[in-house]
């Protein structure tokens, strides 16, 4: 009788305590903890994917700015306002901006693959 009342009390407590407590009562604490960890991992992967998407946008904008800077520096040099050092540095910045775009796209592909792996399906 005592064991039966404890089981009833535990079940009632689970129902009253809400979903956070109910789920471990139904599926077991270990399975619940594992499921929470999986959801957290998926959430982190989705955050990484969104961050990678934003990084691509930023890198593309930086590439446009670097290209415009290169054009302006060349124009300034042609009229004698900029130095040869400015002309030599500006293409390097533009090249680095292009490399950053490629790197950000690669990071996106990795983040997407990670999320697909966690979800077990292609996005």
N, C-alpha and C. Protein backbone atom coordinates (compact mmCIF):
# COMPACT_ATOMS: atom_id res chain seq x y z
N UNK A 1 0.82 -1.19 0.00
CA UNK A 1 0.00 0.00 0.00
C UNK A 1 0.86 1.25 0.00
N UNK A 2 1.95 1.21 0.79
CA UNK A 2 2.83 2.37 0.89
C UNK A 2 3.50 2.66 -0.46
N UNK A 3 3.95 1.62 -1.15
CA UNK A 3 4.59 1.79 -2.46
C UNK A 3 3.59 2.33 -3.48
N UNK A 4 2.35 1.84 -3.39
CA UNK A 4 1.33 2.30 -4.32
C UNK A 4 1.03 3.78 -4.10
N UNK A 5 0.97 4.22 -2.86
CA UNK A 5 0.68 5.63 -2.59
C UNK A 5 1.85 6.52 -3.00
N UNK A 6 3.08 5.99 -2.85
CA UNK A 6 4.25 6.76 -3.30
C UNK A 6 4.22 6.91 -4.82
N UNK A 7 3.87 5.87 -5.52
CA UNK A 7 3.79 5.93 -6.97
C UNK A 7 2.70 6.90 -7.41
N UNK A 8 1.57 6.86 -6.73
CA UNK A 8 0.48 7.79 -7.04
C UNK A 8 0.88 9.22 -6.75
N UNK A 9 1.57 9.43 -5.65
CA UNK A 9 2.01 10.77 -5.29
C UNK A 9 3.03 11.29 -6.31
N UNK A 10 3.91 10.39 -6.73
CA UNK A 10 4.92 10.80 -7.72
C UNK A 10 4.25 11.15 -9.04
N UNK A 11 3.31 10.36 -9.47
CA UNK A 11 2.59 10.64 -10.71
C UNK A 11 1.81 11.94 -10.60
N UNK A 12 1.16 12.15 -9.47
CA UNK A 12 0.41 13.39 -9.28
C UNK A 12 1.35 14.58 -9.25
N UNK A 13 2.48 14.40 -8.63
CA UNK A 13 3.47 15.48 -8.59
C UNK A 13 3.97 15.83 -9.97
N UNK A 14 4.15 14.81 -10.80
CA UNK A 14 4.58 15.05 -12.16
C UNK A 14 3.54 15.84 -12.93
N UNK A 15 2.30 15.49 -12.78
CA UNK A 15 1.24 16.18 -13.49
C UNK A 15 1.15 17.62 -13.03
N UNK A 16 1.27 17.85 -11.74
CA UNK A 16 1.16 19.20 -11.21
C UNK A 16 2.37 20.05 -11.52
N UNK A 17 3.53 19.45 -11.62
CA UNK A 17 4.76 20.22 -11.79
C UNK A 17 4.95 20.72 -13.22
N UNK A 18 4.25 20.18 -14.17
CA UNK A 18 4.35 20.68 -15.53
C UNK A 18 5.22 19.81 -16.41
N UNK A 19 5.40 20.29 -17.62
CA UNK A 19 6.10 19.51 -18.64
C UNK A 19 7.55 19.22 -18.27
N UNK A 20 8.23 20.17 -17.67
CA UNK A 20 9.64 19.97 -17.35
C UNK A 20 9.85 18.79 -16.41
N UNK A 21 8.90 18.56 -15.54
CA UNK A 21 9.01 17.44 -14.62
C UNK A 21 8.26 16.23 -15.15
N UNK A 22 7.21 16.45 -15.90
CA UNK A 22 6.40 15.35 -16.42
C UNK A 22 7.18 14.49 -17.39
N UNK A 23 7.92 15.10 -18.26
CA UNK A 23 8.65 14.34 -19.26
C UNK A 23 9.63 13.36 -18.63
N UNK A 24 10.44 13.76 -17.64
CA UNK A 24 11.33 12.78 -17.03
C UNK A 24 10.58 11.64 -16.35
N UNK A 25 9.41 11.92 -15.84
CA UNK A 25 8.62 10.86 -15.20
C UNK A 25 8.15 9.84 -16.23
N UNK A 26 7.84 10.30 -17.42
CA UNK A 26 7.31 9.40 -18.44
C UNK A 26 8.39 8.65 -19.18
N UNK A 27 9.48 9.31 -19.50
CA UNK A 27 10.49 8.65 -20.33
C UNK A 27 11.78 8.34 -19.58
N UNK A 28 11.88 8.73 -18.35
CA UNK A 28 13.09 8.48 -17.59
C UNK A 28 14.04 9.65 -17.68
N UNK A 29 14.69 9.90 -16.58
CA UNK A 29 15.58 11.06 -16.49
C UNK A 29 16.73 10.99 -17.49
N UNK A 30 17.30 9.83 -17.68
CA UNK A 30 18.44 9.71 -18.60
C UNK A 30 18.01 10.02 -20.03
N UNK A 31 16.88 9.48 -20.45
CA UNK A 31 16.40 9.76 -21.80
C UNK A 31 16.02 11.23 -21.95
N UNK A 32 15.43 11.79 -20.91
CA UNK A 32 15.05 13.20 -20.95
C UNK A 32 16.29 14.08 -21.07
N UNK A 33 17.31 13.79 -20.28
CA UNK A 33 18.56 14.55 -20.34
C UNK A 33 19.21 14.43 -21.71
N UNK A 34 19.16 13.24 -22.27
CA UNK A 34 19.72 13.03 -23.61
C UNK A 34 18.96 13.83 -24.65
N UNK A 35 17.65 13.84 -24.54
CA UNK A 35 16.82 14.60 -25.49
C UNK A 35 17.08 16.09 -25.38
N UNK A 36 17.20 16.58 -24.15
CA UNK A 36 17.51 18.00 -23.94
C UNK A 36 18.86 18.34 -24.55
N UNK A 37 19.83 17.46 -24.36
CA UNK A 37 21.17 17.69 -24.93
C UNK A 37 21.10 17.72 -26.46
N UNK A 38 20.30 16.84 -27.06
CA UNK A 38 20.15 16.82 -28.51
C UNK A 38 19.50 18.12 -29.00
N UNK A 39 18.49 18.57 -28.29
CA UNK A 39 17.83 19.83 -28.68
C UNK A 39 18.78 21.01 -28.55
N UNK A 40 19.59 21.02 -27.50
CA UNK A 40 20.56 22.09 -27.32
C UNK A 40 21.61 22.07 -28.42
N UNK A 41 22.02 20.87 -28.81
CA UNK A 41 23.00 20.73 -29.89
C UNK A 41 22.41 21.22 -31.21
N UNK A 42 21.17 20.87 -31.48
CA UNK A 42 20.50 21.32 -32.71
C UNK A 42 20.32 22.83 -32.69
N UNK A 43 19.98 23.38 -31.54
CA UNK A 43 19.81 24.82 -31.41
C UNK A 43 21.13 25.55 -31.66
N UNK A 44 22.21 25.02 -31.11
CA UNK A 44 23.53 25.62 -31.32
C UNK A 44 23.94 25.54 -32.79
N UNK A 45 23.64 24.42 -33.44
CA UNK A 45 23.97 24.26 -34.86
C UNK A 45 23.17 25.24 -35.71
N UNK A 46 21.91 25.43 -35.37
CA UNK A 46 21.08 26.39 -36.10
C UNK A 46 21.61 27.81 -35.90
N UNK A 47 22.03 28.13 -34.69
CA UNK A 47 22.62 29.44 -34.42
C UNK A 47 23.89 29.63 -35.24
N UNK A 48 24.72 28.58 -35.32
CA UNK A 48 25.95 28.65 -36.12
C UNK A 48 25.63 28.87 -37.60
N UNK A 49 24.57 28.22 -38.08
CA UNK A 49 24.17 28.40 -39.48
C UNK A 49 23.73 29.83 -39.73
N UNK A 50 22.93 30.37 -38.86
CA UNK A 50 22.47 31.76 -39.02
C UNK A 50 23.64 32.74 -38.92
N UNK A 51 24.58 32.46 -38.03
CA UNK A 51 25.76 33.30 -37.91
C UNK A 51 26.59 33.25 -39.19
N UNK A 52 26.71 32.06 -39.76
CA UNK A 52 27.47 31.91 -41.02
C UNK A 52 26.78 32.65 -42.16
N UNK A 53 25.45 32.60 -42.20
CA UNK A 53 24.72 33.34 -43.23
C UNK A 53 25.00 34.83 -43.12
N UNK A 54 24.98 35.33 -41.91
CA UNK A 54 25.23 36.77 -41.68
C UNK A 54 26.68 37.11 -42.02
N UNK A 55 27.60 36.20 -41.71
CA UNK A 55 29.02 36.43 -42.01
C UNK A 55 29.24 36.56 -43.52
N UNK A 56 28.50 35.79 -44.31
CA UNK A 56 28.60 35.89 -45.77
C UNK A 56 28.17 37.28 -46.22
N UNK A 57 27.04 37.73 -45.69
CA UNK A 57 26.55 39.07 -46.06
C UNK A 57 27.57 40.15 -45.71
N UNK A 58 28.15 40.06 -44.54
CA UNK A 58 29.13 41.04 -44.09
C UNK A 58 30.38 40.98 -44.97
N UNK A 59 30.84 39.78 -45.27
CA UNK A 59 32.04 39.62 -46.10
C UNK A 59 31.81 40.16 -47.51
N UNK A 60 30.63 39.93 -48.05
CA UNK A 60 30.32 40.45 -49.39
C UNK A 60 30.29 41.98 -49.37
N UNK A 61 29.73 42.54 -48.33
CA UNK A 61 29.71 44.00 -48.21
C UNK A 61 31.13 44.55 -48.08
N UNK A 62 31.95 43.87 -47.29
CA UNK A 62 33.35 44.29 -47.13
C UNK A 62 34.11 44.18 -48.45
N UNK A 63 33.77 43.19 -49.25
CA UNK A 63 34.41 43.03 -50.56
C UNK A 63 34.04 44.20 -51.48
N UNK A 64 32.78 44.60 -51.44
CA UNK A 64 32.36 45.76 -52.24
C UNK A 64 33.07 47.03 -51.79
N UNK A 65 33.17 47.20 -50.49
CA UNK A 65 33.85 48.39 -49.94
C UNK A 65 35.32 48.39 -50.33
N UNK A 66 35.97 47.23 -50.23
CA UNK A 66 37.39 47.14 -50.59
C UNK A 66 37.60 47.42 -52.09
N UNK A 67 36.69 46.94 -52.92
CA UNK A 67 36.78 47.23 -54.36
C UNK A 67 36.62 48.71 -54.65
N UNK A 68 35.69 49.34 -53.96
CA UNK A 68 35.50 50.78 -54.13
C UNK A 68 36.71 51.55 -53.62
N UNK A 69 37.27 51.10 -52.50
CA UNK A 69 38.47 51.74 -51.96
C UNK A 69 39.62 51.64 -52.96
N UNK A 70 39.76 50.50 -53.59
CA UNK A 70 40.81 50.32 -54.60
C UNK A 70 40.62 51.29 -55.76
N UNK A 71 39.39 51.41 -56.21
CA UNK A 71 39.10 52.33 -57.31
C UNK A 71 39.43 53.77 -56.90
N UNK A 72 39.05 54.16 -55.70
CA UNK A 72 39.29 55.53 -55.23
C UNK A 72 40.79 55.79 -55.07
N UNK A 73 41.51 54.83 -54.51
CA UNK A 73 42.96 55.01 -54.32
C UNK A 73 43.66 55.15 -55.67
N UNK A 74 43.28 54.36 -56.63
CA UNK A 74 43.89 54.49 -57.96
C UNK A 74 43.58 55.86 -58.58
N UNK A 75 42.36 56.29 -58.41
CA UNK A 75 41.98 57.61 -58.93
C UNK A 75 42.76 58.72 -58.21
N UNK A 76 42.88 58.59 -56.90
CA UNK A 76 43.63 59.59 -56.14
C UNK A 76 45.10 59.60 -56.55
N UNK A 77 45.65 58.42 -56.82
CA UNK A 77 47.05 58.34 -57.24
C UNK A 77 47.23 58.99 -58.61
N UNK A 78 46.26 58.79 -59.48
CA UNK A 78 46.38 59.35 -60.83
C UNK A 78 46.37 60.87 -60.82
N UNK A 79 45.74 61.46 -59.81
CA UNK A 79 45.74 62.93 -59.72
C UNK A 79 46.81 63.44 -58.76
N UNK A 80 47.64 62.51 -58.22
CA UNK A 80 48.77 62.90 -57.40
C UNK A 80 48.46 63.12 -55.93
N UNK A 81 47.32 62.65 -55.44
CA UNK A 81 46.96 62.86 -54.03
C UNK A 81 47.39 61.68 -53.16
N UNK A 82 47.38 60.47 -53.69
CA UNK A 82 47.74 59.27 -52.93
C UNK A 82 49.17 58.87 -53.24
N UNK A 83 49.76 58.11 -52.32
CA UNK A 83 51.13 57.64 -52.50
C UNK A 83 51.13 56.27 -53.16
N UNK A 84 52.31 55.87 -53.61
CA UNK A 84 52.43 54.53 -54.20
C UNK A 84 52.15 53.46 -53.16
N UNK A 85 52.46 53.74 -51.90
CA UNK A 85 52.18 52.79 -50.83
C UNK A 85 50.67 52.53 -50.72
N UNK A 86 49.88 53.59 -50.84
CA UNK A 86 48.42 53.42 -50.83
C UNK A 86 47.97 52.51 -51.98
N UNK A 87 48.57 52.70 -53.13
CA UNK A 87 48.21 51.91 -54.31
C UNK A 87 48.62 50.45 -54.12
N UNK A 88 49.72 50.21 -53.43
CA UNK A 88 50.18 48.84 -53.22
C UNK A 88 49.39 48.12 -52.12
N UNK A 89 48.93 48.85 -51.13
CA UNK A 89 48.19 48.24 -50.01
C UNK A 89 46.74 47.95 -50.38
N UNK A 90 46.13 48.81 -51.12
CA UNK A 90 44.72 48.68 -51.44
C UNK A 90 44.36 47.37 -52.17
N UNK A 91 45.12 46.91 -53.15
CA UNK A 91 44.78 45.62 -53.78
C UNK A 91 44.88 44.45 -52.80
N UNK A 92 45.82 44.55 -51.88
CA UNK A 92 45.93 43.48 -50.89
C UNK A 92 44.68 43.41 -50.02
N UNK A 93 44.15 44.56 -49.66
CA UNK A 93 42.92 44.59 -48.87
C UNK A 93 41.75 44.02 -49.67
N UNK A 94 41.70 44.35 -50.95
CA UNK A 94 40.63 43.82 -51.81
C UNK A 94 40.76 42.31 -51.97
N UNK A 95 41.98 41.83 -52.13
CA UNK A 95 42.19 40.39 -52.23
C UNK A 95 41.79 39.68 -50.94
N UNK A 96 42.16 40.27 -49.80
CA UNK A 96 41.80 39.66 -48.52
C UNK A 96 40.29 39.64 -48.33
N UNK A 97 39.61 40.67 -48.78
CA UNK A 97 38.15 40.70 -48.69
C UNK A 97 37.53 39.58 -49.53
N UNK A 98 38.11 39.32 -50.70
CA UNK A 98 37.63 38.22 -51.54
C UNK A 98 37.87 36.87 -50.86
N UNK A 99 39.01 36.73 -50.24
CA UNK A 99 39.32 35.49 -49.50
C UNK A 99 38.33 35.32 -48.35
N UNK A 100 38.00 36.41 -47.68
CA UNK A 100 37.05 36.34 -46.57
C UNK A 100 35.66 35.90 -47.02
N UNK A 101 35.27 36.28 -48.22
CA UNK A 101 33.98 35.83 -48.76
C UNK A 101 34.00 34.32 -48.95
N UNK A 102 35.07 33.82 -49.54
CA UNK A 102 35.19 32.37 -49.76
C UNK A 102 35.21 31.63 -48.42
N UNK A 103 35.95 32.15 -47.47
CA UNK A 103 36.03 31.52 -46.15
C UNK A 103 34.67 31.51 -45.46
N UNK A 104 33.94 32.59 -45.56
CA UNK A 104 32.62 32.64 -44.92
C UNK A 104 31.65 31.68 -45.59
N UNK A 105 31.76 31.52 -46.90
CA UNK A 105 30.90 30.54 -47.60
C UNK A 105 31.26 29.12 -47.17
N UNK A 106 32.53 28.86 -47.01
CA UNK A 106 32.98 27.54 -46.53
C UNK A 106 32.45 27.27 -45.13
N UNK A 107 32.53 28.27 -44.26
CA UNK A 107 32.00 28.13 -42.90
C UNK A 107 30.50 27.85 -42.92
N UNK A 108 29.79 28.46 -43.86
CA UNK A 108 28.36 28.21 -44.00
C UNK A 108 28.10 26.76 -44.39
N UNK A 109 28.87 26.27 -45.35
CA UNK A 109 28.70 24.88 -45.79
C UNK A 109 28.95 23.91 -44.62
N UNK A 110 29.98 24.20 -43.83
CA UNK A 110 30.26 23.35 -42.67
C UNK A 110 29.13 23.42 -41.65
N UNK A 111 28.63 24.62 -41.37
CA UNK A 111 27.54 24.78 -40.41
C UNK A 111 26.28 24.08 -40.89
N UNK A 112 26.02 24.16 -42.17
CA UNK A 112 24.84 23.49 -42.73
C UNK A 112 24.98 21.97 -42.64
N UNK A 113 26.17 21.47 -42.95
CA UNK A 113 26.42 20.03 -42.86
C UNK A 113 26.28 19.55 -41.42
N UNK A 114 26.74 20.35 -40.49
CA UNK A 114 26.62 19.98 -39.07
C UNK A 114 25.15 19.89 -38.67
N UNK A 115 24.36 20.87 -39.07
CA UNK A 115 22.93 20.85 -38.74
C UNK A 115 22.23 19.67 -39.42
N UNK A 116 22.55 19.41 -40.67
CA UNK A 116 21.96 18.27 -41.37
C UNK A 116 22.32 16.96 -40.68
N UNK A 117 23.54 16.87 -40.20
CA UNK A 117 23.99 15.66 -39.51
C UNK A 117 23.20 15.46 -38.21
N UNK A 118 23.00 16.54 -37.50
CA UNK A 118 22.24 16.45 -36.24
C UNK A 118 20.79 16.09 -36.49
N UNK A 119 20.20 16.72 -37.50
CA UNK A 119 18.79 16.48 -37.81
C UNK A 119 18.57 15.14 -38.52
N UNK A 120 19.61 14.65 -39.18
CA UNK A 120 19.51 13.38 -39.89
C UNK A 120 18.76 13.50 -41.21
N UNK A 121 18.75 14.70 -41.78
CA UNK A 121 18.09 14.89 -43.08
C UNK A 121 18.73 16.08 -43.78
N UNK A 122 18.52 16.12 -45.09
CA UNK A 122 19.04 17.21 -45.90
C UNK A 122 18.12 18.42 -45.76
N UNK A 123 18.70 19.59 -45.64
CA UNK A 123 17.88 20.81 -45.52
C UNK A 123 17.46 21.33 -46.87
